[in-house]
Amino acid sequence: MKKLFLILFISMTNFLLAKNEPYITITVAQDGSGQFTSIQKAITSIRDLGPGEALVKIKAGTYHEKIVIPSSKHKITLQGENKENTIITNDDYSGKIDALNEKMTTFNSYTFLIMSDDIKISDITIQNSSCNQGQAVALHVEGDRFSIKNSKILGCQDTVYTGGNHSRQFYENCYIEGTTDFLFGSATVVFKNCTIKSLANSYITAASTDQSKEFGYVFFDCKLIAKEGINKVFLGRPWRPYAKTVFINTEMGNHIVPEGWNPWKGDKMFPDKEKTTYYAEFGSKGEGGKTENRVAWSHQLTKKEAKKYTLKNIFGDWKPNMSDK
């Protein structure tokens, strides 16, 4: 009886472990040592609505590609060799003339577009090298349960577009840089242990949180830094009236202005956004973290209020779990 129990136990353990393994592993390498030399071709090769996780390992190199993961390609993990030398780059921008002789917009200027659910990225740099030519998105995410860790996202204006009212996104140990509104959109997003660098005197965030959502952007234990000479940066301004952005235990450099937040005046379609937006801080540190002169319509959380900002409360039934494969 004991032997039968042991066999059943081992079989069940192997079954559970197998469920956590990718059903397919693909290697992308520019030197031809993998199955593909193009990241997009590797993604396209994955079966639509596959049975489980598909792992794409990307060897070091600079990949000049404009990549799309469509909604039919779910549960894909992209694992770079190293964020310093595994680079995806493109240079499209709003106003650029495309192959059909039409002007691009912010929303198709992306280097990497993710429309699908359950996508994970690690150890990769995603870059839009266009600067001062118009809005130029590096990473555009609209899928749900998106995670990225140990990566760099580089751009200027509008670096990261977190789209979709029902999208939940998690950024951990990432370096993100840009000029104006370089973190923007309506998704529910957590940035944890991220370094965020401002390259110009402008605005870091431009959330457009839907009125029905309790959480918009939440920053935990992040660090705000700036390019040399930059000395007038706002934590955020509301792209839409119910924008929600909260910084918790964040170190802020002296480039952050004392008032902290901007109301985005002059938007005729959405006037007086500061009346409905929710901007708050708790435990801000550093020269820019002095809160006594913040705008009157922003908030300083109490300890009790800060306790509601947990991953469980923010993300509900989704617990981000980045694979170490």
Protein backbone atom coordinates (compact mmCIF):
# COMPACT_ATOMS: atom_id res chain seq x y z
CA MET A 1 0.00 0.00 0.00
CA LYS A 2 2.85 2.35 0.89
CA LYS A 3 4.53 1.58 -2.44
CA LEU A 4 1.33 2.37 -4.35
CA PHE A 5 0.94 5.65 -2.45
CA LEU A 6 4.56 6.57 -3.25
CA ILE A 7 4.06 5.87 -6.96
CA LEU A 8 0.90 7.99 -7.00
CA PHE A 9 2.66 10.80 -5.14
CA ILE A 10 5.60 10.82 -7.56
CA SER A 11 3.27 10.72 -10.58
CA MET A 12 1.20 13.62 -9.27
CA THR A 13 4.34 15.67 -8.47
CA ASN A 14 5.73 15.09 -11.96
CA PHE A 15 2.38 16.06 -13.46
CA LEU A 16 2.24 19.34 -11.51
CA LEU A 17 5.85 20.17 -12.37
CA ALA A 18 5.23 19.42 -16.03
CA LYS A 19 2.30 21.82 -16.03
CA ASN A 20 4.68 24.65 -15.08
CA GLU A 21 7.12 23.87 -17.87
CA PRO A 22 6.78 25.53 -21.29
CA TYR A 23 5.27 23.24 -23.89
CA ILE A 24 7.67 24.67 -26.49
CA THR A 25 11.04 26.46 -26.30
CA ILE A 26 12.34 28.51 -29.21
CA THR A 27 15.74 30.16 -29.52
CA VAL A 28 16.36 33.34 -31.51
CA ALA A 29 19.96 34.11 -32.45
CA GLN A 30 21.37 36.43 -35.08
CA ASP A 31 24.29 34.09 -35.75
CA GLY A 32 21.95 31.33 -36.93
CA SER A 33 22.51 29.06 -33.93
CA GLY A 34 18.78 29.14 -33.02
CA GLN A 35 15.65 28.22 -34.89
CA PHE A 36 15.11 31.87 -35.93
CA THR A 37 17.16 35.03 -36.50
CA SER A 38 14.06 37.25 -36.09
CA ILE A 39 12.04 37.69 -32.90
CA GLN A 40 8.86 38.41 -34.86
CA LYS A 41 9.24 35.24 -36.92
CA ALA A 42 9.69 33.24 -33.72
CA ILE A 43 6.48 34.72 -32.27
CA THR A 44 4.57 34.12 -35.52
CA SER A 45 5.63 30.45 -35.47
CA ILE A 46 3.94 29.82 -32.10
CA ARG A 47 0.58 28.10 -32.31
CA ASP A 48 -2.45 30.37 -31.89
CA LEU A 49 -4.08 29.92 -28.47
CA GLY A 50 -1.56 27.25 -27.55
CA PRO A 51 -1.97 24.81 -24.64
CA GLY A 52 0.47 26.51 -22.28
CA GLU A 53 3.51 28.72 -21.95
CA ALA A 54 5.75 29.17 -24.98
CA LEU A 55 9.30 30.21 -24.04
CA VAL A 56 11.31 32.32 -26.49
CA LYS A 57 14.98 32.63 -25.56
CA ILE A 58 16.68 35.57 -27.26
CA LYS A 59 20.45 35.55 -27.57
CA ALA A 60 22.49 38.75 -27.33
CA GLY A 61 22.31 41.11 -30.28
CA THR A 62 20.65 44.26 -31.55
CA TYR A 63 17.38 43.36 -33.25
CA HIS A 64 16.11 46.12 -35.56
CA GLU A 65 12.47 45.06 -35.53
CA LYS A 66 8.94 46.36 -35.05
CA ILE A 67 7.27 43.56 -33.12
CA VAL A 68 3.62 42.67 -32.55
CA ILE A 69 2.22 39.94 -30.32
CA PRO A 70 -1.41 39.65 -31.51
CA SER A 71 -4.27 38.59 -29.24
CA SER A 72 -4.14 35.02 -30.60
CA LYS A 73 -0.59 34.45 -29.30
CA HIS A 74 -1.05 34.18 -25.55
CA LYS A 75 1.12 32.86 -22.69
CA ILE A 76 4.48 33.77 -24.23
CA THR A 77 7.63 34.39 -22.20
CA LEU A 78 10.45 36.34 -23.85
CA GLN A 79 13.75 35.86 -22.04
CA GLY A 80 16.78 37.84 -23.17
CA GLU A 81 20.35 36.83 -22.54
CA ASN A 82 21.14 40.12 -20.82
CA LYS A 83 19.38 43.49 -20.77
CA GLU A 84 22.61 45.28 -21.64
CA ASN A 85 23.19 43.43 -24.90
CA THR A 86 19.81 42.00 -25.92
CA ILE A 87 18.24 45.02 -27.60
CA ILE A 88 15.06 45.48 -29.66
CA THR A 89 15.06 48.86 -31.39
CA ASN A 90 13.08 50.87 -33.93
CA ASP A 91 12.67 54.57 -34.79
CA ASP A 92 9.06 55.22 -35.79
CA TYR A 93 7.29 58.33 -34.51
CA SER A 94 4.01 60.22 -34.82
CA GLY A 95 4.02 62.12 -38.09
CA LYS A 96 6.44 59.83 -39.87
CA ILE A 97 5.30 58.71 -43.32
CA ASP A 98 4.71 54.95 -43.42
CA ALA A 99 4.86 52.45 -46.29
CA LEU A 100 1.31 53.42 -47.37
CA ASN A 101 2.30 57.08 -47.58
CA GLU A 102 0.22 57.90 -44.51
CA LYS A 103 1.29 59.67 -41.35
CA MET A 104 1.87 57.52 -38.30
CA THR A 105 0.20 58.35 -34.98
CA THR A 106 1.32 57.86 -31.40
CA PHE A 107 -0.52 54.56 -31.31
CA ASN A 108 1.30 52.87 -34.19
CA SER A 109 4.72 54.38 -33.50
CA TYR A 110 5.59 51.52 -31.13
CA THR A 111 8.69 49.36 -31.27
CA PHE A 112 6.90 46.53 -29.42
CA LEU A 113 3.12 46.07 -29.32
CA ILE A 114 1.51 43.50 -27.00
CA MET A 115 -2.17 42.78 -27.58
CA SER A 116 -2.28 39.36 -25.91
CA ASP A 117 -2.77 38.19 -22.32
CA ASP A 118 -0.18 36.51 -20.08
CA ILE A 119 2.98 37.85 -21.70
CA LYS A 120 6.22 37.94 -19.69
CA ILE A 121 9.46 39.70 -20.61
CA SER A 122 12.81 39.65 -18.84
CA ASP A 123 16.41 40.76 -19.41
CA ILE A 124 15.72 42.76 -22.58
CA THR A 125 16.09 46.38 -23.71
CA ILE A 126 13.18 47.80 -25.70
CA GLN A 127 14.00 51.08 -27.42
CA ASN A 128 12.45 53.71 -29.64
CA SER A 129 15.50 55.67 -30.83
CA SER A 130 13.45 58.55 -32.27
CA CYS A 131 13.77 61.69 -30.15
CA ASN A 132 12.40 65.22 -30.51
CA GLN A 133 10.49 64.29 -33.67
CA GLY A 134 7.13 63.60 -32.07
CA GLN A 135 5.53 60.99 -29.85
CA ALA A 136 7.50 57.75 -30.19
CA VAL A 137 6.39 54.73 -28.17
CA ALA A 138 8.89 52.02 -27.25
CA LEU A 139 6.50 49.61 -25.49
CA HIS A 140 2.72 49.55 -26.06
CA VAL A 141 0.80 47.04 -23.92
CA GLU A 142 -2.95 46.37 -24.00
CA GLY A 143 -3.09 42.72 -22.90
CA ASP A 144 -3.98 41.61 -19.38
CA ARG A 145 -1.58 40.09 -16.83
CA PHE A 146 1.56 41.53 -18.42
CA SER A 147 4.87 41.33 -16.53
CA ILE A 148 8.33 42.67 -17.31
CA LYS A 149 11.39 42.48 -15.07
CA ASN A 150 15.12 43.24 -15.17
CA SER A 151 14.69 45.18 -18.39
CA LYS A 152 15.26 48.62 -19.90
CA ILE A 153 12.65 50.66 -21.76
CA LEU A 154 14.19 53.60 -23.57
CA GLY A 155 12.61 56.49 -25.41
CA CYS A 156 11.76 60.18 -25.27
CA GLN A 157 8.15 61.37 -25.48
CA ASP A 158 5.56 58.68 -24.65
CA THR A 159 8.03 55.84 -23.99
CA VAL A 160 5.54 53.41 -22.43
CA TYR A 161 1.84 53.27 -23.35
CA THR A 162 -0.14 51.23 -20.83
CA GLY A 163 -3.40 50.92 -22.73
CA GLY A 164 -6.66 49.19 -21.97
CA ASN A 165 -9.08 49.79 -19.09
CA HIS A 166 -8.98 46.08 -18.23
CA SER A 167 -5.23 45.63 -18.55
CA ARG A 168 -3.12 44.82 -15.48
CA GLN A 169 0.63 45.30 -15.77
CA PHE A 170 3.62 44.71 -13.50
CA TYR A 171 7.08 46.29 -13.99
CA GLU A 172 9.80 45.07 -11.62
CA ASN A 173 13.49 46.05 -11.40
CA CYS A 174 13.23 47.99 -14.65
CA TYR A 175 14.99 51.11 -15.90
CA ILE A 176 12.70 53.46 -17.82
CA GLU A 177 13.63 56.80 -19.35
CA GLY A 178 11.90 59.51 -21.36
CA THR A 179 11.02 63.18 -21.71
CA THR A 180 7.30 64.03 -21.67
CA ASP A 181 4.40 61.89 -20.38
CA PHE A 182 6.65 58.89 -20.84
CA LEU A 183 4.44 56.65 -18.70
CA PHE A 184 0.88 57.10 -19.94
CA GLY A 185 -2.41 55.26 -20.33
CA SER A 186 -5.49 53.81 -18.64
CA ALA A 187 -4.23 50.43 -17.41
CA THR A 188 -3.81 49.40 -13.78
CA VAL A 189 -0.03 49.30 -13.36
CA VAL A 190 2.47 48.60 -10.59
CA PHE A 191 6.08 49.74 -10.86
CA LYS A 192 8.22 48.02 -8.22
CA ASN A 193 11.91 48.78 -7.56
CA CYS A 194 12.18 50.66 -10.84
CA THR A 195 14.58 53.48 -11.73
CA ILE A 196 12.84 56.19 -13.74
CA LYS A 197 14.96 58.82 -15.48
CA SER A 198 13.68 62.14 -16.83
CA LEU A 199 15.58 63.41 -19.87
CA ALA A 200 13.84 66.81 -20.03
CA ASN A 201 12.00 69.33 -17.86
CA SER A 202 8.52 67.93 -18.25
CA TYR A 203 6.12 65.31 -16.81
CA ILE A 204 6.76 61.69 -15.83
CA THR A 205 3.22 60.26 -15.85
CA ALA A 206 0.01 60.98 -17.75
CA ALA A 207 -2.51 58.47 -16.50
CA SER A 208 -6.00 58.22 -18.00
CA THR A 209 -7.52 55.86 -15.45
CA ASP A 210 -11.15 54.93 -16.05
CA GLN A 211 -13.59 56.34 -13.50
CA SER A 212 -14.64 52.82 -12.49
CA LYS A 213 -11.12 51.75 -11.47
CA GLU A 214 -9.87 52.06 -7.90
CA PHE A 215 -6.20 51.94 -8.89
CA GLY A 216 -4.25 53.47 -11.75
CA TYR A 217 -0.46 53.79 -11.47
CA VAL A 218 1.19 52.66 -8.22
CA PHE A 219 4.93 53.01 -7.62
CA PHE A 220 6.58 50.98 -4.85
CA ASP A 221 10.18 51.60 -3.71
CA CYS A 222 11.18 53.29 -6.95
CA LYS A 223 13.89 55.87 -7.64
CA LEU A 224 13.34 59.03 -9.70
CA ILE A 225 16.50 60.43 -11.30
CA ALA A 226 17.24 62.92 -14.08
CA LYS A 227 19.73 63.80 -16.78
CA GLU A 228 22.27 66.42 -15.73
CA GLY A 229 20.82 69.92 -15.89
CA ILE A 230 17.20 68.83 -15.59
CA ASN A 231 15.55 70.65 -12.69
CA LYS A 232 11.80 71.05 -13.29
CA VAL A 233 9.95 67.77 -13.54
CA PHE A 234 6.39 67.03 -12.38
CA LEU A 235 5.38 63.64 -11.00
CA GLY A 236 2.40 63.65 -13.30
CA ARG A 237 -0.44 65.41 -15.05
CA PRO A 238 -3.89 63.94 -15.80
CA TRP A 239 -4.41 62.90 -19.41
CA ARG A 240 -8.05 62.28 -18.48
CA PRO A 241 -10.16 63.53 -15.54
CA TYR A 242 -10.02 60.46 -13.27
CA ALA A 243 -6.28 59.82 -13.49
CA LYS A 244 -4.91 57.97 -10.46
CA THR A 245 -1.21 57.89 -9.58
CA VAL A 246 0.34 57.02 -6.21
CA PHE A 247 4.01 56.96 -5.17
CA ILE A 248 4.88 54.85 -2.10
CA ASN A 249 8.33 54.88 -0.48
CA THR A 250 9.89 56.44 -3.57
CA GLU A 251 13.21 58.29 -3.63
CA MET A 252 12.88 61.52 -5.58
CA GLY A 253 15.77 63.62 -6.86
CA ASN A 254 15.88 67.41 -6.66
CA HIS A 255 14.55 67.65 -10.23
CA ILE A 256 11.04 67.06 -8.87
CA VAL A 257 9.31 70.42 -8.38
CA PRO A 258 7.98 71.27 -4.89
CA GLU A 259 4.35 71.36 -6.09
CA GLY A 260 4.74 67.83 -7.42
CA TRP A 261 1.74 67.67 -9.75
CA ASN A 262 0.32 69.61 -12.70
CA PRO A 263 -3.43 70.02 -13.51
CA TRP A 264 -2.96 70.05 -17.34
CA LYS A 265 -4.83 73.30 -17.90
CA GLY A 266 -5.99 74.27 -21.38
CA ASP A 267 -7.67 70.98 -22.29
CA LYS A 268 -11.00 72.33 -23.56
CA MET A 269 -12.63 68.90 -23.81
CA PHE A 270 -11.67 67.95 -20.24
CA PRO A 271 -11.35 71.14 -18.14
CA ASP A 272 -10.68 71.22 -14.39
CA LYS A 273 -9.24 67.72 -14.27
CA GLU A 274 -7.66 68.39 -10.89
CA LYS A 275 -11.16 68.22 -9.34
CA THR A 276 -11.53 64.51 -10.05
CA THR A 277 -7.99 63.19 -10.39
CA TYR A 278 -6.37 61.31 -7.47
CA TYR A 279 -2.67 61.92 -6.89
CA ALA A 280 -1.06 60.76 -3.67
CA GLU A 281 2.21 59.91 -1.92
CA PHE A 282 3.37 58.02 1.11
CA GLY A 283 6.91 57.96 2.47
CA SER A 284 8.49 60.05 -0.31
CA LYS A 285 12.25 60.50 0.22
CA GLY A 286 15.06 62.65 -1.14
CA GLU A 287 15.28 66.32 -2.12
CA GLY A 288 12.25 66.00 -4.38
CA GLY A 289 10.31 64.07 -1.78
CA LYS A 290 9.60 67.06 0.46
CA THR A 291 5.82 67.28 0.41
CA GLU A 292 4.99 70.43 2.38
CA ASN A 293 4.52 72.51 -0.79
CA ARG A 294 2.58 69.98 -2.87
CA VAL A 295 -0.54 71.23 -4.69
CA ALA A 296 -3.58 71.39 -2.42
CA TRP A 297 -5.57 68.90 -4.51
CA SER A 298 -3.02 66.10 -4.05
CA HIS A 299 -2.97 63.74 -1.05
CA GLN A 300 -0.57 62.46 1.56
CA LEU A 301 -1.70 58.98 2.58
CA THR A 302 -2.07 57.99 6.21
CA LYS A 303 -0.55 54.68 7.34
CA LYS A 304 -4.02 53.17 7.30
CA GLU A 305 -4.71 54.40 3.76
CA ALA A 306 -1.31 53.17 2.55
CA LYS A 307 -2.06 49.64 3.76
CA LYS A 308 -4.67 49.15 1.03
CA TYR A 309 -1.94 49.42 -1.61
CA THR A 310 -1.00 45.75 -1.91
CA LEU A 311 -0.57 43.63 -5.03
CA LYS A 312 -3.57 41.57 -3.97
CA ASN A 313 -5.83 44.59 -3.67
CA ILE A 314 -4.52 46.20 -6.85
CA PHE A 315 -4.51 43.13 -9.11
CA GLY A 316 -7.30 41.04 -7.59
CA ASP A 317 -7.12 37.39 -8.66
CA TRP A 318 -3.81 37.85 -10.51
CA LYS A 319 -0.54 37.31 -8.69
CA PRO A 320 2.41 38.29 -10.90
CA ASN A 321 4.98 35.53 -10.86
CA MET A 322 7.97 36.07 -13.09
CA SER A 323 9.59 32.81 -14.17
CA ASP A 324 13.32 32.33 -13.62
CA LYS A 325 13.68 29.95 -16.57
